[in-house]
Amino acid sequence: RQKRMLAIKKFRKAQRRLIYARAQAYHKEYRH
């Protein structure tokens, strides 16, 4: 269970980074 939770935590952290990067790119596009 601990191993699975660690993997989920790692995946969610990567997802948050990706979502933040996308949001920044969209903000740039709208401003342009």
Full PDB file with SEQRES, HELIX, SHEET, SSBOND, CRYST1, ORIGX, SCALE, CONECT and MASTER records, all heavy atoms in Angstrom:
SEQRES   1 A   32  ARG GLN LYS ARG MET LEU ALA ILE LYS LYS PHE ARG LYS          
SEQRES   2 A   32  ALA GLN ARG ARG LEU ILE TYR ALA ARG ALA GLN ALA TYR          
SEQRES   3 A   32  HIS LYS GLU TYR ARG HIS                                      
HELIX    1 AA1 GLN A    2  ARG A   31  1                                  30    
CRYST1    1.000    1.000    1.000  90.00  90.00  90.00 P 1           1          
ORIGX1      1.000000  0.000000  0.000000        0.00000                         
ORIGX2      0.000000  1.000000  0.000000        0.00000                         
ORIGX3      0.000000  0.000000  1.000000        0.00000                         
SCALE1      1.000000  0.000000  0.000000        0.00000                         
SCALE2      0.000000  1.000000  0.000000        0.00000                         
SCALE3      0.000000  0.000000  1.000000        0.00000                         
ATOM      1  N   ARG A   1       0.828  -1.209   0.000  1.00  0.00           N  
ATOM      2  CA  ARG A   1       0.000   0.000   0.000  1.00  0.00           C  
ATOM      3  C   ARG A   1       0.862   1.259   0.000  1.00  0.00           C  
ATOM      4  O   ARG A   1       0.594   2.221  -0.721  1.00  0.00           O  
ATOM      5  CB  ARG A   1      -0.934  -0.004   1.213  1.00  0.00           C  
ATOM      6  CG  ARG A   1      -2.069   1.028   1.085  1.00  0.00           C  
ATOM      7  CD  ARG A   1      -2.797   1.284   2.380  1.00  0.00           C  
ATOM      8  NE  ARG A   1      -3.401   0.072   2.909  1.00  0.00           N  
ATOM      9  CZ  ARG A   1      -3.300  -0.301   4.174  1.00  0.00           C  
ATOM     10  NH1 ARG A   1      -2.582   0.401   5.030  1.00  0.00           N  
ATOM     11  NH2 ARG A   1      -3.881  -1.399   4.601  1.00  0.00           N  
ATOM     12  N   GLN A   2       1.922   1.231   0.847  1.00  0.00           N  
ATOM     13  CA  GLN A   2       2.825   2.386   0.929  1.00  0.00           C  
ATOM     14  C   GLN A   2       3.502   2.658  -0.411  1.00  0.00           C  
ATOM     15  O   GLN A   2       3.657   3.805  -0.834  1.00  0.00           O  
ATOM     16  CB  GLN A   2       3.867   2.155   2.020  1.00  0.00           C  
ATOM     17  CG  GLN A   2       3.342   2.443   3.418  1.00  0.00           C  
ATOM     18  CD  GLN A   2       4.386   2.202   4.502  1.00  0.00           C  
ATOM     19  OE1 GLN A   2       5.308   1.420   4.307  1.00  0.00           O  
ATOM     20  NE2 GLN A   2       4.226   2.845   5.641  1.00  0.00           N  
ATOM     21  N   LYS A   3       3.897   1.543  -1.067  1.00  0.00           N  
ATOM     22  CA  LYS A   3       4.544   1.656  -2.380  1.00  0.00           C  
ATOM     23  C   LYS A   3       3.600   2.286  -3.402  1.00  0.00           C  
ATOM     24  O   LYS A   3       3.981   3.166  -4.184  1.00  0.00           O  
ATOM     25  CB  LYS A   3       4.979   0.253  -2.845  1.00  0.00           C  
ATOM     26  CG  LYS A   3       6.038   0.263  -3.930  1.00  0.00           C  
ATOM     27  CD  LYS A   3       6.469  -1.157  -4.268  1.00  0.00           C  
ATOM     28  CE  LYS A   3       7.499  -1.157  -5.383  1.00  0.00           C  
ATOM     29  NZ  LYS A   3       7.876  -2.536  -5.753  1.00  0.00           N  
ATOM     30  N   ARG A   4       2.315   1.823  -3.357  1.00  0.00           N  
ATOM     31  CA  ARG A   4       1.317   2.348  -4.293  1.00  0.00           C  
ATOM     32  C   ARG A   4       1.031   3.827  -4.024  1.00  0.00           C  
ATOM     33  O   ARG A   4       0.938   4.631  -4.956  1.00  0.00           O  
ATOM     34  CB  ARG A   4       0.025   1.523  -4.178  1.00  0.00           C  
ATOM     35  CG  ARG A   4      -0.951   1.793  -5.311  1.00  0.00           C  
ATOM     36  CD  ARG A   4      -2.137   0.863  -5.321  1.00  0.00           C  
ATOM     37  NE  ARG A   4      -3.068   1.169  -4.240  1.00  0.00           N  
ATOM     38  CZ  ARG A   4      -3.353   0.363  -3.240  1.00  0.00           C  
ATOM     39  NH1 ARG A   4      -2.796  -0.833  -3.170  1.00  0.00           N  
ATOM     40  NH2 ARG A   4      -4.207   0.707  -2.298  1.00  0.00           N  
ATOM     41  N   MET A   5       0.922   4.177  -2.732  1.00  0.00           N  
ATOM     42  CA  MET A   5       0.644   5.576  -2.358  1.00  0.00           C  
ATOM     43  C   MET A   5       1.783   6.495  -2.781  1.00  0.00           C  
ATOM     44  O   MET A   5       1.548   7.616  -3.223  1.00  0.00           O  
ATOM     45  CB  MET A   5       0.434   5.687  -0.842  1.00  0.00           C  
ATOM     46  CG  MET A   5      -0.842   5.049  -0.327  1.00  0.00           C  
ATOM     47  SD  MET A   5      -2.350   5.679  -1.074  1.00  0.00           S  
ATOM     48  CE  MET A   5      -2.474   7.259  -0.300  1.00  0.00           C  
ATOM     49  N   LEU A   6       3.012   5.997  -2.655  1.00  0.00           N  
ATOM     50  CA  LEU A   6       4.186   6.776  -3.064  1.00  0.00           C  
ATOM     51  C   LEU A   6       4.168   7.021  -4.569  1.00  0.00           C  
ATOM     52  O   LEU A   6       4.445   8.137  -5.035  1.00  0.00           O  
ATOM     53  CB  LEU A   6       5.463   6.016  -2.662  1.00  0.00           C  
ATOM     54  CG  LEU A   6       6.731   6.859  -2.547  1.00  0.00           C  
ATOM     55  CD1 LEU A   6       6.636   7.793  -1.352  1.00  0.00           C  
ATOM     56  CD2 LEU A   6       7.952   5.967  -2.402  1.00  0.00           C  
ATOM     57  N   ALA A   7       3.796   5.968  -5.323  1.00  0.00           N  
ATOM     58  CA  ALA A   7       3.712   6.087  -6.786  1.00  0.00           C  
ATOM     59  C   ALA A   7       2.630   7.082  -7.191  1.00  0.00           C  
ATOM     60  O   ALA A   7       2.836   7.920  -8.087  1.00  0.00           O  
ATOM     61  CB  ALA A   7       3.423   4.719  -7.413  1.00  0.00           C  
ATOM     62  N   ILE A   8       1.462   7.043  -6.491  1.00  0.00           N  
ATOM     63  CA  ILE A   8       0.355   7.973  -6.779  1.00  0.00           C  
ATOM     64  C   ILE A   8       0.777   9.410  -6.468  1.00  0.00           C  
ATOM     65  O   ILE A   8       0.506  10.330  -7.245  1.00  0.00           O  
ATOM     66  CB  ILE A   8      -0.912   7.579  -5.961  1.00  0.00           C  
ATOM     67  CG1 ILE A   8      -1.510   6.281  -6.511  1.00  0.00           C  
ATOM     68  CG2 ILE A   8      -1.952   8.687  -5.978  1.00  0.00           C  
ATOM     69  CD1 ILE A   8      -2.577   5.658  -5.638  1.00  0.00           C  
ATOM     70  N   LYS A   9       1.494   9.563  -5.330  1.00  0.00           N  
ATOM     71  CA  LYS A   9       1.959  10.894  -4.912  1.00  0.00           C  
ATOM     72  C   LYS A   9       2.909  11.485  -5.965  1.00  0.00           C  
ATOM     73  O   LYS A   9       2.816  12.664  -6.331  1.00  0.00           O  
ATOM     74  CB  LYS A   9       2.662  10.778  -3.560  1.00  0.00           C  
ATOM     75  CG  LYS A   9       2.798  12.088  -2.820  1.00  0.00           C  
ATOM     76  CD  LYS A   9       3.409  11.875  -1.452  1.00  0.00           C  
ATOM     77  CE  LYS A   9       3.631  13.200  -0.748  1.00  0.00           C  
ATOM     78  NZ  LYS A   9       4.312  13.034   0.543  1.00  0.00           N  
ATOM     79  N   LYS A  10       3.805  10.634  -6.457  1.00  0.00           N  
ATOM     80  CA  LYS A  10       4.781  11.045  -7.469  1.00  0.00           C  
ATOM     81  C   LYS A  10       4.069  11.458  -8.767  1.00  0.00           C  
ATOM     82  O   LYS A  10       4.375  12.493  -9.381  1.00  0.00           O  
ATOM     83  CB  LYS A  10       5.719   9.860  -7.747  1.00  0.00           C  
ATOM     84  CG  LYS A  10       7.132  10.252  -8.123  1.00  0.00           C  
ATOM     85  CD  LYS A  10       8.014   9.018  -8.192  1.00  0.00           C  
ATOM     86  CE  LYS A  10       9.449   9.406  -8.470  1.00  0.00           C  
ATOM     87  NZ  LYS A  10      10.305   8.213  -8.527  1.00  0.00           N  
ATOM     88  N   PHE A  11       3.074  10.632  -9.164  1.00  0.00           N  
ATOM     89  CA  PHE A  11       2.315  10.887 -10.392  1.00  0.00           C  
ATOM     90  C   PHE A  11       1.542  12.205 -10.289  1.00  0.00           C  
ATOM     91  O   PHE A  11       1.535  13.011 -11.224  1.00  0.00           O  
ATOM     92  CB  PHE A  11       1.355   9.720 -10.643  1.00  0.00           C  
ATOM     93  CG  PHE A  11       0.406   9.943 -11.783  1.00  0.00           C  
ATOM     94  CD1 PHE A  11       0.849   9.889 -13.099  1.00  0.00           C  
ATOM     95  CD2 PHE A  11      -0.938  10.231 -11.544  1.00  0.00           C  
ATOM     96  CE1 PHE A  11      -0.018  10.111 -14.154  1.00  0.00           C  
ATOM     97  CE2 PHE A  11      -1.814  10.454 -12.597  1.00  0.00           C  
ATOM     98  CZ  PHE A  11      -1.352  10.387 -13.905  1.00  0.00           C  
ATOM     99  N   ARG A  12       0.910  12.435  -9.118  1.00  0.00           N  
ATOM    100  CA  ARG A  12       0.116  13.655  -8.924  1.00  0.00           C  
ATOM    101  C   ARG A  12       0.996  14.898  -8.942  1.00  0.00           C  
ATOM    102  O   ARG A  12       0.580  15.944  -9.444  1.00  0.00           O  
ATOM    103  CB  ARG A  12      -0.654  13.578  -7.603  1.00  0.00           C  
ATOM    104  CG  ARG A  12      -1.889  12.685  -7.723  1.00  0.00           C  
ATOM    105  CD  ARG A  12      -2.754  12.755  -6.507  1.00  0.00           C  
ATOM    106  NE  ARG A  12      -3.971  11.983  -6.705  1.00  0.00           N  
ATOM    107  CZ  ARG A  12      -4.765  11.589  -5.734  1.00  0.00           C  
ATOM    108  NH1 ARG A  12      -4.470  11.885  -4.493  1.00  0.00           N  
ATOM    109  NH2 ARG A  12      -5.858  10.898  -5.990  1.00  0.00           N  
ATOM    110  N   LYS A  13       2.203  14.768  -8.393  1.00  0.00           N  
ATOM    111  CA  LYS A  13       3.137  15.903  -8.391  1.00  0.00           C  
ATOM    112  C   LYS A  13       3.516  16.264  -9.828  1.00  0.00           C  
ATOM    113  O   LYS A  13       3.536  17.446 -10.208  1.00  0.00           O  
ATOM    114  CB  LYS A  13       4.387  15.535  -7.583  1.00  0.00           C  
ATOM    115  CG  LYS A  13       5.243  16.737  -7.226  1.00  0.00           C  
ATOM    116  CD  LYS A  13       6.395  16.358  -6.335  1.00  0.00           C  
ATOM    117  CE  LYS A  13       7.203  17.591  -5.941  1.00  0.00           C  
ATOM    118  NZ  LYS A  13       8.356  17.236  -5.109  1.00  0.00           N  
ATOM    119  N   ALA A  14       3.783  15.234 -10.635  1.00  0.00           N  
ATOM    120  CA  ALA A  14       4.125  15.450 -12.049  1.00  0.00           C  
ATOM    121  C   ALA A  14       2.942  16.071 -12.799  1.00  0.00           C  
ATOM    122  O   ALA A  14       3.124  16.979 -13.625  1.00  0.00           O  
ATOM    123  CB  ALA A  14       4.522  14.124 -12.700  1.00  0.00           C  
ATOM    124  N   GLN A  15       1.711  15.590 -12.474  1.00  0.00           N  
ATOM    125  CA  GLN A  15       0.501  16.124 -13.116  1.00  0.00           C  
ATOM    126  C   GLN A  15       0.308  17.604 -12.782  1.00  0.00           C  
ATOM    127  O   GLN A  15      -0.043  18.390 -13.666  1.00  0.00           O  
ATOM    128  CB  GLN A  15      -0.740  15.351 -12.652  1.00  0.00           C  
ATOM    129  CG  GLN A  15      -0.923  14.013 -13.328  1.00  0.00           C  
ATOM    130  CD  GLN A  15      -1.247  14.150 -14.803  1.00  0.00           C  
ATOM    131  OE1 GLN A  15      -0.372  14.100 -15.660  1.00  0.00           O  
ATOM    132  NE2 GLN A  15      -2.493  14.350 -15.111  1.00  0.00           N  
ATOM    133  N   ARG A  16       0.541  17.956 -11.497  1.00  0.00           N  
ATOM    134  CA  ARG A  16       0.378  19.358 -11.079  1.00  0.00           C  
ATOM    135  C   ARG A  16       1.331  20.265 -11.834  1.00  0.00           C  
ATOM    136  O   ARG A  16       0.957  21.362 -12.251  1.00  0.00           O  
ATOM    137  CB  ARG A  16       0.608  19.492  -9.565  1.00  0.00           C  
ATOM    138  CG  ARG A  16      -0.586  19.059  -8.730  1.00  0.00           C  
ATOM    139  CD  ARG A  16      -0.545  19.668  -7.336  1.00  0.00           C  
ATOM    140  NE  ARG A  16       0.661  19.334  -6.614  1.00  0.00           N  
ATOM    141  CZ  ARG A  16       0.827  18.238  -5.882  1.00  0.00           C  
ATOM    142  NH1 ARG A  16      -0.150  17.353  -5.791  1.00  0.00           N  
ATOM    143  NH2 ARG A  16       1.944  18.015  -5.229  1.00  0.00           N  
ATOM    144  N   ARG A  17       2.560  19.789 -12.011  1.00  0.00           N  
ATOM    145  CA  ARG A  17       3.559  20.571 -12.767  1.00  0.00           C  
ATOM    146  C   ARG A  17       3.104  20.771 -14.209  1.00  0.00           C  
ATOM    147  O   ARG A  17       3.212  21.869 -14.772  1.00  0.00           O  
ATOM    148  CB  ARG A  17       4.907  19.846 -12.746  1.00  0.00           C  
ATOM    149  CG  ARG A  17       5.693  20.104 -11.487  1.00  0.00           C  
ATOM    150  CD  ARG A  17       7.136  19.709 -11.656  1.00  0.00           C  
ATOM    151  NE  ARG A  17       7.857  19.862 -10.393  1.00  0.00           N  
ATOM    152  CZ  ARG A  17       8.763  19.025  -9.948  1.00  0.00           C  
ATOM    153  NH1 ARG A  17       9.070  17.946 -10.638  1.00  0.00           N  
ATOM    154  NH2 ARG A  17       9.388  19.222  -8.806  1.00  0.00           N  
ATOM    155  N   LEU A  18       2.609  19.683 -14.808  1.00  0.00           N  
ATOM    156  CA  LEU A  18       2.146  19.728 -16.201  1.00  0.00           C  
ATOM    157  C   LEU A  18       0.964  20.688 -16.352  1.00  0.00           C  
ATOM    158  O   LEU A  18       0.933  21.513 -17.279  1.00  0.00           O  
ATOM    159  CB  LEU A  18       1.745  18.315 -16.651  1.00  0.00           C  
ATOM    160  CG  LEU A  18       1.160  18.171 -18.061  1.00  0.00           C  
ATOM    161  CD1 LEU A  18       2.187  18.562 -19.115  1.00  0.00           C  
ATOM    162  CD2 LEU A  18       0.684  16.743 -18.304  1.00  0.00           C  
ATOM    163  N   ILE A  19       0.007  20.607 -15.421  1.00  0.00           N  
ATOM    164  CA  ILE A  19      -1.181  21.475 -15.469  1.00  0.00           C  
ATOM    165  C   ILE A  19      -0.784  22.940 -15.325  1.00  0.00           C  
ATOM    166  O   ILE A  19      -1.290  23.801 -16.050  1.00  0.00           O  
ATOM    167  CB  ILE A  19      -2.189  21.052 -14.362  1.00  0.00           C  
ATOM    168  CG1 ILE A  19      -2.854  19.727 -14.756  1.00  0.00           C  
ATOM    169  CG2 ILE A  19      -3.239  22.114 -14.112  1.00  0.00           C  
ATOM    170  CD1 ILE A  19      -3.592  19.033 -13.610  1.00  0.00           C  
ATOM    171  N   TYR A  20       0.157  23.206 -14.410  1.00  0.00           N  
ATOM    172  CA  TYR A  20       0.627  24.583 -14.202  1.00  0.00           C  
ATOM    173  C   TYR A  20       1.303  25.123 -15.471  1.00  0.00           C  
ATOM    174  O   TYR A  20       1.057  26.266 -15.885  1.00  0.00           O  
ATOM    175  CB  TYR A  20       1.595  24.622 -13.017  1.00  0.00           C  
ATOM    176  CG  TYR A  20       2.092  26.009 -12.688  1.00  0.00           C  
ATOM    177  CD1 TYR A  20       1.245  26.945 -12.114  1.00  0.00           C  
ATOM    178  CD2 TYR A  20       3.412  26.387 -12.964  1.00  0.00           C  
ATOM    179  CE1 TYR A  20       1.688  28.224 -11.814  1.00  0.00           C  
ATOM    180  CE2 TYR A  20       3.865  27.660 -12.671  1.00  0.00           C  
ATOM    181  CZ  TYR A  20       3.006  28.576 -12.092  1.00  0.00           C  
ATOM    182  OH  TYR A  20       3.435  29.839 -11.807  1.00  0.00           O  
ATOM    183  N   ALA A  21       2.118  24.272 -16.094  1.00  0.00           N  
ATOM    184  CA  ALA A  21       2.813  24.682 -17.327  1.00  0.00           C  
ATOM    185  C   ALA A  21       1.808  24.974 -18.437  1.00  0.00           C  
ATOM    186  O   ALA A  21       1.944  25.955 -19.185  1.00  0.00           O  
ATOM    187  CB  ALA A  21       3.779  23.579 -17.763  1.00  0.00           C  
ATOM    188  N   ARG A  22       0.776  24.126 -18.543  1.00  0.00           N  
ATOM    189  CA  ARG A  22      -0.257  24.341 -19.565  1.00  0.00           C  
ATOM    190  C   ARG A  22      -1.016  25.641 -19.319  1.00  0.00           C  
ATOM    191  O   ARG A  22      -1.296  26.389 -20.255  1.00  0.00           O  
ATOM    192  CB  ARG A  22      -1.244  23.165 -19.557  1.00  0.00           C  
ATOM    193  CG  ARG A  22      -0.719  21.942 -20.266  1.00  0.00           C  
ATOM    194  CD  ARG A  22      -1.842  20.960 -20.521  1.00  0.00           C  
ATOM    195  NE  ARG A  22      -1.346  19.750 -21.146  1.00  0.00           N  
ATOM    196  CZ  ARG A  22      -2.135  18.790 -21.608  1.00  0.00           C  
ATOM    197  NH1 ARG A  22      -3.442  18.901 -21.512  1.00  0.00           N  
ATOM    198  NH2 ARG A  22      -1.625  17.723 -22.178  1.00  0.00           N  
ATOM    199  N   ALA A  23      -1.372  25.875 -18.045  1.00  0.00           N  
ATOM    200  CA  ALA A  23      -2.114  27.099 -17.697  1.00  0.00           C  
ATOM    201  C   ALA A  23      -1.308  28.340 -18.074  1.00  0.00           C  
ATOM    202  O   ALA A  23      -1.857  29.309 -18.615  1.00  0.00           O  
ATOM    203  CB  ALA A  23      -2.440  27.101 -16.205  1.00  0.00           C  
ATOM    204  N   GLN A  24       0.009  28.286 -17.820  1.00  0.00           N  
ATOM    205  CA  GLN A  24       0.890  29.409 -18.180  1.00  0.00           C  
ATOM    206  C   GLN A  24       0.907  29.628 -19.692  1.00  0.00           C  
ATOM    207  O   GLN A  24       0.818  30.762 -20.172  1.00  0.00           O  
ATOM    208  CB  GLN A  24       2.309  29.124 -17.692  1.00  0.00           C  
ATOM    209  CG  GLN A  24       2.571  29.597 -16.276  1.00  0.00           C  
ATOM    210  CD  GLN A  24       4.051  29.488 -15.918  1.00  0.00           C  
ATOM    211  OE1 GLN A  24       4.714  28.528 -16.292  1.00  0.00           O  
ATOM    212  NE2 GLN A  24       4.572  30.443 -15.194  1.00  0.00           N  
ATOM    213  N   ALA A  25       1.011  28.525 -20.445  1.00  0.00           N  
ATOM    214  CA  ALA A  25       1.047  28.601 -21.911  1.00  0.00           C  
ATOM    215  C   ALA A  25      -0.258  29.183 -22.455  1.00  0.00           C  
ATOM    216  O   ALA A  25      -0.244  30.017 -23.373  1.00  0.00           O  
ATOM    217  CB  ALA A  25       1.290  27.213 -22.494  1.00  0.00           C  
ATOM    218  N   TYR A  26      -1.385  28.756 -21.865  1.00  0.00           N  
ATOM    219  CA  TYR A  26      -2.689  29.277 -22.317  1.00  0.00           C  
ATOM    220  C   TYR A  26      -2.818  30.762 -22.014  1.00  0.00           C  
ATOM    221  O   TYR A  26      -3.325  31.530 -22.835  1.00  0.00           O  
ATOM    222  CB  TYR A  26      -3.841  28.515 -21.642  1.00  0.00           C  
ATOM    223  CG  TYR A  26      -3.965  27.067 -22.054  1.00  0.00           C  
ATOM    224  CD1 TYR A  26      -4.440  26.106 -21.166  1.00  0.00           C  
ATOM    225  CD2 TYR A  26      -3.600  26.640 -23.332  1.00  0.00           C  
ATOM    226  CE1 TYR A  26      -4.549  24.778 -21.537  1.00  0.00           C  
ATOM    227  CE2 TYR A  26      -3.700  25.312 -23.699  1.00  0.00           C  
ATOM    228  CZ  TYR A  26      -4.174  24.387 -22.800  1.00  0.00           C  
ATOM    229  OH  TYR A  26      -4.283  23.072 -23.165  1.00  0.00           O  
ATOM    230  N   HIS A  27      -2.335  31.172 -20.834  1.00  0.00           N  
ATOM    231  CA  HIS A  27      -2.391  32.592 -20.454  1.00  0.00           C  
ATOM    232  C   HIS A  27      -1.611  33.435 -21.460  1.00  0.00           C  
ATOM    233  O   HIS A  27      -2.071  34.496 -21.891  1.00  0.00           O  
ATOM    234  CB  HIS A  27      -1.812  32.762 -19.043  1.00  0.00           C  
ATOM    235  CG  HIS A  27      -1.774  34.183 -18.583  1.00  0.00           C  
ATOM    236  ND1 HIS A  27      -2.918  34.903 -18.312  1.00  0.00           N  
ATOM    237  CD2 HIS A  27      -0.734  35.028 -18.369  1.00  0.00           C  
ATOM    238  CE1 HIS A  27      -2.578  36.131 -17.956  1.00  0.00           C  
ATOM    239  NE2 HIS A  27      -1.263  36.220 -17.974  1.00  0.00           N  
ATOM    240  N   LYS A  28      -0.457  32.932 -21.855  1.00  0.00           N  
ATOM    241  CA  LYS A  28       0.392  33.609 -22.848  1.00  0.00           C  
ATOM    242  C   LYS A  28      -0.345  33.724 -24.189  1.00  0.00           C  
ATOM    243  O   LYS A  28      -0.333  34.772 -24.847  1.00  0.00           O  
ATOM    244  CB  LYS A  28       1.675  32.779 -23.026  1.00  0.00           C  
ATOM    245  CG  LYS A  28       2.936  33.607 -23.201  1.00  0.00           C  
ATOM    246  CD  LYS A  28       4.132  32.681 -23.242  1.00  0.00           C  
ATOM    247  CE  LYS A  28       5.380  33.399 -22.771  1.00  0.00           C  
ATOM    248  NZ  LYS A  28       6.524  32.495 -22.696  1.00  0.00           N  
ATOM    249  N   GLU A  29      -0.987  32.611 -24.573  1.00  0.00           N  
ATOM    250  CA  GLU A  29      -1.709  32.565 -25.852  1.00  0.00           C  
ATOM    251  C   GLU A  29      -2.875  33.557 -25.866  1.00  0.00           C  
ATOM    252  O   GLU A  29      -3.064  34.286 -26.844  1.00  0.00           O  
ATOM    253  CB  GLU A  29      -2.255  31.144 -26.071  1.00  0.00           C  
ATOM    254  CG  GLU A  29      -2.885  30.934 -27.432  1.00  0.00           C  
ATOM    255  CD  GLU A  29      -3.520  29.560 -27.567  1.00  0.00           C  
ATOM    256  OE1 GLU A  29      -3.041  28.596 -26.930  1.00  0.00           O  
ATOM    257  OE2 GLU A  29      -4.513  29.455 -28.302  1.00  0.00           O  
ATOM    258  N   TYR A  30      -3.643  33.622 -24.761  1.00  0.00           N  
ATOM    259  CA  TYR A  30      -4.789  34.543 -24.683  1.00  0.00           C  
ATOM    260  C   TYR A  30      -4.310  35.993 -24.753  1.00  0.00           C  
ATOM    261  O   TYR A  30      -4.920  36.821 -25.429  1.00  0.00           O  
ATOM    262  CB  TYR A  30      -5.574  34.343 -23.374  1.00  0.00           C  
ATOM    263  CG  TYR A  30      -6.171  32.971 -23.184  1.00  0.00           C  
ATOM    264  CD1 TYR A  30      -6.199  32.362 -21.924  1.00  0.00           C  
ATOM    265  CD2 TYR A  30      -6.716  32.258 -24.248  1.00  0.00           C  
ATOM    266  CE1 TYR A  30      -6.741  31.106 -21.730  1.00  0.00           C  
ATOM    267  CE2 TYR A  30      -7.260  30.987 -24.063  1.00  0.00           C  
ATOM    268  CZ  TYR A  30      -7.260  30.417 -22.805  1.00  0.00           C  
ATOM    269  OH  TYR A  30      -7.802  29.177 -22.622  1.00  0.00           O  
ATOM    270  N   ARG A  31      -3.202  36.266 -24.050  1.00  0.00           N  
ATOM    271  CA  ARG A  31      -2.672  37.634 -24.043  1.00  0.00           C  
ATOM    272  C   ARG A  31      -2.204  38.033 -25.435  1.00  0.00           C  
ATOM    273  O   ARG A  31      -2.442  39.153 -25.887  1.00  0.00           O  
ATOM    274  CB  ARG A  31      -1.506  37.719 -23.032  1.00  0.00           C  
ATOM    275  CG  ARG A  31      -1.130  39.155 -22.688  1.00  0.00           C  
ATOM    276  CD  ARG A  31      -0.131  39.207 -21.573  1.00  0.00           C  
ATOM    277  NE  ARG A  31       1.064  38.423 -21.891  1.00  0.00           N  
ATOM    278  CZ  ARG A  31       1.956  38.021 -21.004  1.00  0.00           C  
ATOM    279  NH1 ARG A  31       1.789  38.303 -19.738  1.00  0.00           N  
ATOM    280  NH2 ARG A  31       3.019  37.329 -21.356  1.00  0.00           N  
ATOM    281  N   HIS A  32      -1.565  37.067 -26.134  1.00  0.00           N  
ATOM    282  CA  HIS A  32      -1.088  37.324 -27.495  1.00  0.00           C  
ATOM    283  C   HIS A  32      -2.270  37.611 -28.421  1.00  0.00           C  
ATOM    284  O   HIS A  32      -2.214  38.541 -29.251  1.00  0.00           O  
ATOM    285  CB  HIS A  32      -0.301  36.117 -28.019  1.00  0.00           C  
ATOM    286  CG  HIS A  32       0.135  36.254 -29.442  1.00  0.00           C  
ATOM    287  ND1 HIS A  32       1.146  37.128 -29.821  1.00  0.00           N  
ATOM    288  CD2 HIS A  32      -0.304  35.660 -30.593  1.00  0.00           C  
ATOM    289  CE1 HIS A  32       1.303  37.060 -31.133  1.00  0.00           C  
ATOM    290  NE2 HIS A  32       0.433  36.182 -31.621  1.00  0.00           N  
TER     291      HIS A  32                                                      
MASTER        0    0    0    1    0    0    0    6  290    1    0    3          
END                                                                             
